[in-house]
Structures are given as structure tokens and as C-alpha cells.
PDB file of N, CA and C in Angstrom:
ATOM      1  N   MET A   1      14.963  -9.930  -1.846  1.00  0.00           N
ATOM      2  CA  MET A   1      14.121  -9.607  -2.967  1.00  0.00           C
ATOM      3  C   MET A   1      14.538  -8.252  -3.531  1.00  0.00           C
ATOM      4  N   ASP A   2      14.777  -8.221  -4.831  1.00  0.00           N
ATOM      5  CA  ASP A   2      15.113  -6.962  -5.486  1.00  0.00           C
ATOM      6  C   ASP A   2      13.846  -6.154  -5.717  1.00  0.00           C
ATOM      7  N   VAL A   3      13.887  -4.913  -5.309  1.00  0.00           N
ATOM      8  CA  VAL A   3      12.758  -4.006  -5.500  1.00  0.00           C
ATOM      9  C   VAL A   3      13.220  -2.902  -6.423  1.00  0.00           C
ATOM     10  N   ASP A   4      12.453  -2.675  -7.482  1.00  0.00           N
ATOM     11  CA  ASP A   4      12.839  -1.640  -8.436  1.00  0.00           C
ATOM     12  C   ASP A   4      12.484  -0.245  -7.905  1.00  0.00           C
ATOM     13  N   GLU A   5      12.854   0.745  -8.679  1.00  0.00           N
ATOM     14  CA  GLU A   5      12.642   2.139  -8.274  1.00  0.00           C
ATOM     15  C   GLU A   5      11.156   2.438  -8.039  1.00  0.00           C
ATOM     16  N   THR A   6      10.298   1.908  -8.890  1.00  0.00           N
ATOM     17  CA  THR A   6       8.857   2.127  -8.733  1.00  0.00           C
ATOM     18  C   THR A   6       8.355   1.481  -7.449  1.00  0.00           C
ATOM     19  N   GLY A   7       8.829   0.293  -7.164  1.00  0.00           N
ATOM     20  CA  GLY A   7       8.437  -0.392  -5.929  1.00  0.00           C
ATOM     21  C   GLY A   7       8.850   0.388  -4.694  1.00  0.00           C
ATOM     22  N   ARG A   8      10.059   0.928  -4.717  1.00  0.00           N
ATOM     23  CA  ARG A   8      10.528   1.744  -3.585  1.00  0.00           C
ATOM     24  C   ARG A   8       9.700   3.023  -3.465  1.00  0.00           C
ATOM     25  N   ALA A   9       9.371   3.626  -4.614  1.00  0.00           N
ATOM     26  CA  ALA A   9       8.556   4.845  -4.606  1.00  0.00           C
ATOM     27  C   ALA A   9       7.163   4.558  -4.049  1.00  0.00           C
ATOM     28  N   LEU A  10       6.592   3.401  -4.390  1.00  0.00           N
ATOM     29  CA  LEU A  10       5.276   3.037  -3.859  1.00  0.00           C
ATOM     30  C   LEU A  10       5.335   2.804  -2.352  1.00  0.00           C
ATOM     31  N   GLU A  11       6.371   2.116  -1.887  1.00  0.00           N
ATOM     32  CA  GLU A  11       6.528   1.913  -0.441  1.00  0.00           C
ATOM     33  C   GLU A  11       6.605   3.256   0.280  1.00  0.00           C
ATOM     34  N   GLN A  12       7.423   4.159  -0.243  1.00  0.00           N
ATOM     35  CA  GLN A  12       7.576   5.468   0.391  1.00  0.00           C
ATOM     36  C   GLN A  12       6.270   6.251   0.332  1.00  0.00           C
ATOM     37  N   SER A  13       5.562   6.150  -0.763  1.00  0.00           N
ATOM     38  CA  SER A  13       4.291   6.841  -0.889  1.00  0.00           C
ATOM     39  C   SER A  13       3.290   6.338   0.154  1.00  0.00           C
ATOM     40  N   ILE A  14       3.225   5.032   0.340  1.00  0.00           N
ATOM     41  CA  ILE A  14       2.332   4.469   1.355  1.00  0.00           C
ATOM     42  C   ILE A  14       2.679   5.036   2.728  1.00  0.00           C
ATOM     43  N   LEU A  15       3.948   5.017   3.059  1.00  0.00           N
ATOM     44  CA  LEU A  15       4.377   5.530   4.371  1.00  0.00           C
ATOM     45  C   LEU A  15       4.101   7.027   4.509  1.00  0.00           C
ATOM     46  N   ASP A  16       4.355   7.790   3.455  1.00  0.00           N
ATOM     47  CA  ASP A  16       4.114   9.237   3.498  1.00  0.00           C
ATOM     48  C   ASP A  16       2.625   9.551   3.639  1.00  0.00           C
ATOM     49  N   LEU A  17       1.798   8.849   2.883  1.00  0.00           N
ATOM     50  CA  LEU A  17       0.348   9.076   2.972  1.00  0.00           C
ATOM     51  C   LEU A  17      -0.167   8.764   4.373  1.00  0.00           C
ATOM     52  N   LEU A  18       0.319   7.674   4.945  1.00  0.00           N
ATOM     53  CA  LEU A  18      -0.119   7.307   6.297  1.00  0.00           C
ATOM     54  C   LEU A  18       0.397   8.292   7.335  1.00  0.00           C
ATOM     55  N   ALA A  19       1.602   8.785   7.153  1.00  0.00           N
ATOM     56  CA  ALA A  19       2.178   9.738   8.106  1.00  0.00           C
ATOM     57  C   ALA A  19       1.392  11.045   8.139  1.00  0.00           C
ATOM     58  N   ALA A  20       0.731  11.365   7.040  1.00  0.00           N
ATOM     59  CA  ALA A  20      -0.017  12.616   6.959  1.00  0.00           C
ATOM     60  C   ALA A  20      -1.424  12.496   7.548  1.00  0.00           C
ATOM     61  N   ARG A  21      -1.756  11.316   8.045  1.00  0.00           N
ATOM     62  CA  ARG A  21      -3.101  11.077   8.575  1.00  0.00           C
ATOM     63  C   ARG A  21      -3.043  10.671  10.041  1.00  0.00           C
ATOM     64  N   ALA A  22      -4.213  10.618  10.640  1.00  0.00           N
ATOM     65  CA  ALA A  22      -4.314  10.184  12.032  1.00  0.00           C
ATOM     66  C   ALA A  22      -3.756   8.762  12.158  1.00  0.00           C
ATOM     67  N   PRO A  23      -3.221   8.414  13.341  1.00  0.00           N
ATOM     68  CA  PRO A  23      -2.574   7.109  13.515  1.00  0.00           C
ATOM     69  C   PRO A  23      -3.442   5.898  13.160  1.00  0.00           C
ATOM     70  N   THR A  24      -4.742   5.999  13.329  1.00  0.00           N
ATOM     71  CA  THR A  24      -5.603   4.853  13.036  1.00  0.00           C
ATOM     72  C   THR A  24      -6.230   4.914  11.644  1.00  0.00           C
ATOM     73  N   SER A  25      -5.901   5.945  10.875  1.00  0.00           N
ATOM     74  CA  SER A  25      -6.476   6.095   9.534  1.00  0.00           C
ATOM     75  C   SER A  25      -5.897   5.065   8.577  1.00  0.00           C
ATOM     76  N   THR A  26      -6.649   4.823   7.511  1.00  0.00           N
ATOM     77  CA  THR A  26      -6.219   3.879   6.482  1.00  0.00           C
ATOM     78  C   THR A  26      -6.136   4.596   5.136  1.00  0.00           C
ATOM     79  N   ILE A  27      -5.428   3.946   4.227  1.00  0.00           N
ATOM     80  CA  ILE A  27      -5.388   4.412   2.840  1.00  0.00           C
ATOM     81  C   ILE A  27      -5.698   3.229   1.933  1.00  0.00           C
ATOM     82  N   CYS A  28      -6.067   3.549   0.715  1.00  0.00           N
ATOM     83  CA  CYS A  28      -6.254   2.544  -0.325  1.00  0.00           C
ATOM     84  C   CYS A  28      -4.966   2.469  -1.133  1.00  0.00           C
ATOM     85  N   PRO A  29      -4.571   1.287  -1.599  1.00  0.00           N
ATOM     86  CA  PRO A  29      -3.380   1.209  -2.442  1.00  0.00           C
ATOM     87  C   PRO A  29      -3.457   2.122  -3.664  1.00  0.00           C
ATOM     88  N   SER A  30      -4.669   2.428  -4.119  1.00  0.00           N
ATOM     89  CA  SER A  30      -4.806   3.300  -5.285  1.00  0.00           C
ATOM     90  C   SER A  30      -4.277   4.704  -5.013  1.00  0.00           C
ATOM     91  N   GLU A  31      -4.317   5.130  -3.752  1.00  0.00           N
ATOM     92  CA  GLU A  31      -3.780   6.452  -3.418  1.00  0.00           C
ATOM     93  C   GLU A  31      -2.277   6.502  -3.677  1.00  0.00           C
ATOM     94  N   ALA A  32      -1.580   5.445  -3.305  1.00  0.00           N
ATOM     95  CA  ALA A  32      -0.135   5.377  -3.563  1.00  0.00           C
ATOM     96  C   ALA A  32       0.116   5.262  -5.064  1.00  0.00           C
ATOM     97  N   ALA A  33      -0.680   4.447  -5.744  1.00  0.00           N
ATOM     98  CA  ALA A  33      -0.515   4.283  -7.188  1.00  0.00           C
ATOM     99  C   ALA A  33      -0.725   5.609  -7.913  1.00  0.00           C
ATOM    100  N   ARG A  34      -1.725   6.376  -7.486  1.00  0.00           N
ATOM    101  CA  ARG A  34      -1.998   7.674  -8.116  1.00  0.00           C
ATOM    102  C   ARG A  34      -0.865   8.670  -7.847  1.00  0.00           C
ATOM    103  N   SER A  35      -0.271   8.591  -6.651  1.00  0.00           N
ATOM    104  CA  SER A  35       0.783   9.557  -6.330  1.00  0.00           C
ATOM    105  C   SER A  35       2.075   9.257  -7.081  1.00  0.00           C
ATOM    106  N   VAL A  36       2.290   8.002  -7.441  1.00  0.00           N
ATOM    107  CA  VAL A  36       3.517   7.612  -8.139  1.00  0.00           C
ATOM    108  C   VAL A  36       3.315   7.590  -9.651  1.00  0.00           C
ATOM    109  N   GLY A  37       2.131   7.185 -10.093  1.00  0.00           N
ATOM    110  CA  GLY A  37       1.874   7.024 -11.516  1.00  0.00           C
ATOM    111  C   GLY A  37       1.330   8.275 -12.173  1.00  0.00           C
ATOM    112  N   SER A  38       1.182   8.175 -13.468  1.00  0.00           N
ATOM    113  CA  SER A  38       0.634   9.284 -14.242  1.00  0.00           C
ATOM    114  C   SER A  38      -0.890   9.262 -14.171  1.00  0.00           C
ATOM    115  N   GLU A  39      -1.487  10.306 -14.673  1.00  0.00           N
ATOM    116  CA  GLU A  39      -2.949  10.413 -14.701  1.00  0.00           C
ATOM    117  C   GLU A  39      -3.571   9.200 -15.385  1.00  0.00           C
ATOM    118  N   ASP A  40      -2.950   8.745 -16.452  1.00  0.00           N
ATOM    119  CA  ASP A  40      -3.491   7.619 -17.210  1.00  0.00           C
ATOM    120  C   ASP A  40      -2.900   6.274 -16.807  1.00  0.00           C
ATOM    121  N   GLY A  41      -1.716   6.287 -16.178  1.00  0.00           N
ATOM    122  CA  GLY A  41      -1.015   5.033 -15.926  1.00  0.00           C
ATOM    123  C   GLY A  41      -1.105   4.471 -14.523  1.00  0.00           C
ATOM    124  N   TRP A  42      -1.788   5.150 -13.614  1.00  0.00           N
ATOM    125  CA  TRP A  42      -1.779   4.691 -12.223  1.00  0.00           C
ATOM    126  C   TRP A  42      -2.434   3.329 -12.047  1.00  0.00           C
ATOM    127  N   ARG A  43      -3.405   2.999 -12.885  1.00  0.00           N
ATOM    128  CA  ARG A  43      -4.085   1.696 -12.733  1.00  0.00           C
ATOM    129  C   ARG A  43      -3.110   0.530 -12.916  1.00  0.00           C
ATOM    130  N   ASN A  44      -2.117   0.742 -13.764  1.00  0.00           N
ATOM    131  CA  ASN A  44      -1.102  -0.296 -13.968  1.00  0.00           C
ATOM    132  C   ASN A  44      -0.237  -0.500 -12.732  1.00  0.00           C
ATOM    133  N   LEU A  45      -0.303   0.430 -11.792  1.00  0.00           N
ATOM    134  CA  LEU A  45       0.503   0.327 -10.572  1.00  0.00           C
ATOM    135  C   LEU A  45      -0.270  -0.275  -9.397  1.00  0.00           C
ATOM    136  N   MET A  46      -1.503  -0.694  -9.629  1.00  0.00           N
ATOM    137  CA  MET A  46      -2.289  -1.231  -8.518  1.00  0.00           C
ATOM    138  C   MET A  46      -1.674  -2.498  -7.930  1.00  0.00           C
ATOM    139  N   GLU A  47      -1.314  -3.459  -8.759  1.00  0.00           N
ATOM    140  CA  GLU A  47      -0.708  -4.674  -8.221  1.00  0.00           C
ATOM    141  C   GLU A  47       0.674  -4.376  -7.628  1.00  0.00           C
ATOM    142  N   PRO A  48       1.515  -3.563  -8.277  1.00  0.00           N
ATOM    143  CA  PRO A  48       2.766  -3.187  -7.624  1.00  0.00           C
ATOM    144  C   PRO A  48       2.540  -2.488  -6.275  1.00  0.00           C
ATOM    145  N   ALA A  49       1.476  -1.700  -6.150  1.00  0.00           N
ATOM    146  CA  ALA A  49       1.176  -1.041  -4.872  1.00  0.00           C
ATOM    147  C   ALA A  49       0.789  -2.071  -3.819  1.00  0.00           C
ATOM    148  N   ARG A  50       0.029  -3.085  -4.218  1.00  0.00           N
ATOM    149  CA  ARG A  50      -0.327  -4.159  -3.282  1.00  0.00           C
ATOM    150  C   ARG A  50       0.931  -4.933  -2.869  1.00  0.00           C
ATOM    151  N   ARG A  51       1.846  -5.160  -3.816  1.00  0.00           N
ATOM    152  CA  ARG A  51       3.112  -5.837  -3.475  1.00  0.00           C
ATOM    153  C   ARG A  51       3.920  -4.986  -2.514  1.00  0.00           C
ATOM    154  N   ALA A  52       3.940  -3.669  -2.735  1.00  0.00           N
ATOM    155  CA  ALA A  52       4.652  -2.772  -1.821  1.00  0.00           C
ATOM    156  C   ALA A  52       4.053  -2.866  -0.425  1.00  0.00           C
ATOM    157  N   ALA A  53       2.742  -2.920  -0.348  1.00  0.00           N
ATOM    158  CA  ALA A  53       2.078  -3.060   0.959  1.00  0.00           C
ATOM    159  C   ALA A  53       2.469  -4.378   1.611  1.00  0.00           C
ATOM    160  N   ARG A  54       2.541  -5.454   0.838  1.00  0.00           N
ATOM    161  CA  ARG A  54       2.940  -6.752   1.407  1.00  0.00           C
ATOM    162  C   ARG A  54       4.355  -6.694   1.968  1.00  0.00           C
ATOM    163  N   ARG A  55       5.254  -6.014   1.249  1.00  0.00           N
ATOM    164  CA  ARG A  55       6.626  -5.878   1.757  1.00  0.00           C
ATOM    165  C   ARG A  55       6.642  -5.083   3.063  1.00  0.00           C
ATOM    166  N   LEU A  56       5.829  -4.041   3.140  1.00  0.00           N
ATOM    167  CA  LEU A  56       5.772  -3.239   4.364  1.00  0.00           C
ATOM    168  C   LEU A  56       5.141  -4.015   5.515  1.00  0.00           C
ATOM    169  N   VAL A  57       4.201  -4.903   5.206  1.00  0.00           N
ATOM    170  CA  VAL A  57       3.650  -5.785   6.244  1.00  0.00           C
ATOM    171  C   VAL A  57       4.761  -6.689   6.764  1.00  0.00           C
ATOM    172  N   ALA A  58       5.519  -7.281   5.853  1.00  0.00           N
ATOM    173  CA  ALA A  58       6.617  -8.175   6.247  1.00  0.00           C
ATOM    174  C   ALA A  58       7.653  -7.447   7.097  1.00  0.00           C
ATOM    175  N   ALA A  59       7.829  -6.155   6.845  1.00  0.00           N
ATOM    176  CA  ALA A  59       8.782  -5.350   7.613  1.00  0.00           C
ATOM    177  C   ALA A  59       8.195  -4.847   8.929  1.00  0.00           C
ATOM    178  N   GLY A  60       6.910  -5.123   9.164  1.00  0.00           N
ATOM    179  CA  GLY A  60       6.274  -4.696  10.403  1.00  0.00           C
ATOM    180  C   GLY A  60       5.846  -3.237  10.414  1.00  0.00           C
ATOM    181  N   GLU A  61       5.812  -2.602   9.260  1.00  0.00           N
ATOM    182  CA  GLU A  61       5.485  -1.170   9.170  1.00  0.00           C
ATOM    183  C   GLU A  61       3.984  -0.896   9.099  1.00  0.00           C
ATOM    184  N   VAL A  62       3.241  -1.793   8.415  1.00  0.00           N
ATOM    185  CA  VAL A  62       1.815  -1.561   8.182  1.00  0.00           C
ATOM    186  C   VAL A  62       1.031  -2.861   8.369  1.00  0.00           C
ATOM    187  N   GLU A  63      -0.295  -2.709   8.377  1.00  0.00           N
ATOM    188  CA  GLU A  63      -1.222  -3.833   8.377  1.00  0.00           C
ATOM    189  C   GLU A  63      -2.149  -3.672   7.176  1.00  0.00           C
ATOM    190  N   VAL A  64      -2.650  -4.787   6.682  1.00  0.00           N
ATOM    191  CA  VAL A  64      -3.625  -4.772   5.595  1.00  0.00           C
ATOM    192  C   VAL A  64      -4.962  -5.211   6.175  1.00  0.00           C
ATOM    193  N   LEU A  65      -6.007  -4.459   5.822  1.00  0.00           N
ATOM    194  CA  LEU A  65      -7.339  -4.740   6.350  1.00  0.00           C
ATOM    195  C   LEU A  65      -8.341  -4.957   5.222  1.00  0.00           C
ATOM    196  N   GLN A  66      -9.346  -5.771   5.534  1.00  0.00           N
ATOM    197  CA  GLN A  66     -10.535  -5.917   4.701  1.00  0.00           C
ATOM    198  C   GLN A  66     -11.712  -5.932   5.647  1.00  0.00           C
ATOM    199  N   GLY A  67     -12.686  -5.107   5.358  1.00  0.00           N
ATOM    200  CA  GLY A  67     -13.853  -5.048   6.223  1.00  0.00           C
ATOM    201  C   GLY A  67     -13.509  -4.656   7.650  1.00  0.00           C
ATOM    202  N   GLY A  68     -12.441  -3.867   7.811  1.00  0.00           N
ATOM    203  CA  GLY A  68     -12.031  -3.415   9.135  1.00  0.00           C
ATOM    204  C   GLY A  68     -11.257  -4.437   9.949  1.00  0.00           C
ATOM    205  N   ARG A  69     -10.961  -5.592   9.352  1.00  0.00           N
ATOM    206  CA  ARG A  69     -10.224  -6.645  10.066  1.00  0.00           C
ATOM    207  C   ARG A  69      -8.876  -6.874   9.402  1.00  0.00           C
ATOM    208  N   VAL A  70      -7.863  -7.099  10.220  1.00  0.00           N
ATOM    209  CA  VAL A  70      -6.523  -7.387   9.699  1.00  0.00           C
ATOM    210  C   VAL A  70      -6.558  -8.735   8.981  1.00  0.00           C
ATOM    211  N   VAL A  71      -6.001  -8.748   7.776  1.00  0.00           N
ATOM    212  CA  VAL A  71      -5.953  -9.968   6.969  1.00  0.00           C
ATOM    213  C   VAL A  71      -4.535 -10.215   6.488  1.00  0.00           C
ATOM    214  N   ASP A  72      -4.298 -11.432   6.031  1.00  0.00           N
ATOM    215  CA  ASP A  72      -3.013 -11.796   5.443  1.00  0.00           C
ATOM    216  C   ASP A  72      -2.976 -11.216   4.029  1.00  0.00           C
ATOM    217  N   PRO A  73      -2.053 -10.303   3.753  1.00  0.00           N
ATOM    218  CA  PRO A  73      -2.037  -9.673   2.438  1.00  0.00           C
ATOM    219  C   PRO A  73      -1.715 -10.640   1.302  1.00  0.00           C
ATOM    220  N   ALA A  74      -1.103 -11.769   1.624  1.00  0.00           N
ATOM    221  CA  ALA A  74      -0.769 -12.736   0.585  1.00  0.00           C
ATOM    222  C   ALA A  74      -2.003 -13.462   0.059  1.00  0.00           C
ATOM    223  N   THR A  75      -3.055 -13.526   0.871  1.00  0.00           N
ATOM    224  CA  THR A  75      -4.257 -14.246   0.454  1.00  0.00           C
ATOM    225  C   THR A  75      -5.462 -13.334   0.264  1.00  0.00           C
ATOM    226  N   ALA A  76      -5.309 -12.053   0.576  1.00  0.00           N
ATOM    227  CA  ALA A  76      -6.430 -11.114   0.447  1.00  0.00           C
ATOM    228  C   ALA A  76      -6.759 -10.884  -1.025  1.00  0.00           C
ATOM    229  N   THR A  77      -8.028 -10.992  -1.344  1.00  0.00           N
ATOM    230  CA  THR A  77      -8.494 -10.671  -2.694  1.00  0.00           C
ATOM    231  C   THR A  77      -9.542  -9.578  -2.566  1.00  0.00           C
ATOM    232  N   GLY A  78      -9.653  -8.783  -3.586  1.00  0.00           N
ATOM    233  CA  GLY A  78     -10.605  -7.689  -3.538  1.00  0.00           C
ATOM    234  C   GLY A  78     -10.012  -6.468  -2.872  1.00  0.00           C
ATOM    235  N   PRO A  79     -10.867  -5.487  -2.577  1.00  0.00           N
ATOM    236  CA  PRO A  79     -10.397  -4.220  -2.010  1.00  0.00           C
ATOM    237  C   PRO A  79      -9.740  -4.404  -0.642  1.00  0.00           C
ATOM    238  N   ILE A  80      -8.634  -3.687  -0.448  1.00  0.00           N
ATOM    239  CA  ILE A  80      -7.942  -3.707   0.837  1.00  0.00           C
ATOM    240  C   ILE A  80      -7.694  -2.262   1.279  1.00  0.00           C
ATOM    241  N   ARG A  81      -7.414  -2.108   2.542  1.00  0.00           N
ATOM    242  CA  ARG A  81      -6.993  -0.833   3.117  1.00  0.00           C
ATOM    243  C   ARG A  81      -5.675  -1.094   3.838  1.00  0.00           C
ATOM    244  N   ILE A  82      -4.891  -0.041   4.015  1.00  0.00           N
ATOM    245  CA  ILE A  82      -3.581  -0.144   4.661  1.00  0.00           C
ATOM    246  C   ILE A  82      -3.550   0.849   5.807  1.00  0.00           C
ATOM    247  N   ARG A  83      -3.008   0.419   6.962  1.00  0.00           N
ATOM    248  CA  ARG A  83      -2.810   1.335   8.081  1.00  0.00           C
ATOM    249  C   ARG A  83      -1.496   1.018   8.771  1.00  0.00           C
ATOM    250  N   ARG A  84      -1.032   1.998   9.532  1.00  0.00           N
ATOM    251  CA  ARG A  84       0.206   1.794  10.304  1.00  0.00           C
ATOM    252  C   ARG A  84      -0.032   0.752  11.393  1.00  0.00           C
ATOM    253  N   THR A  85       1.035   0.062  11.766  1.00  0.00           N
ATOM    254  CA  THR A  85       0.924  -0.890  12.869  1.00  0.00           C
ATOM    255  C   THR A  85       0.993  -0.172  14.188  1.00  0.00           C
TER     256      THR A  85
END
């Protein structure tokens, strides 16, 4: 799968944000979107941030949670959280 520069930046942002927190802490995809996007444009990066999280799940780097439970990121709808595996 080809990943563009923004996708790579979102993946790195997710990993960097998680690295700066306690091992069991979570982040919202919006945090990565805000760090990569502009003040006005970060909302457009929400779905790309979720895709970046899915790629990191596939790589075994992170888990996606809803309601504190690990879920399949391909079928998760609504708010999600991301944490290191």
C-alpha cells in the first residue's frame, strides 16, 4: 500500500505522542491530526489519522480501543483511542 507524506507524518505523530506518555496511556486520533494539520485544516485529517492508526495496528505497533476494550479498527465506528501494544 502506498502511503503519502501526510500518512507517514500521521503515523509518526501517533508514535511520537504515545512515546511521550505512560506505556498504558491512550491518545485520540485528533491529537495526531492537530499536530500534522493546520489550525483550520486538522479536521480534514481525521479519517487519514484513523487510516494511519489502522496501518500501525497491522504492523503490531498499536491497538485501537473503544470503551476501554480493544476493537478491530476496520469495523470501529465512532470515537476511538490508540495505545501502544
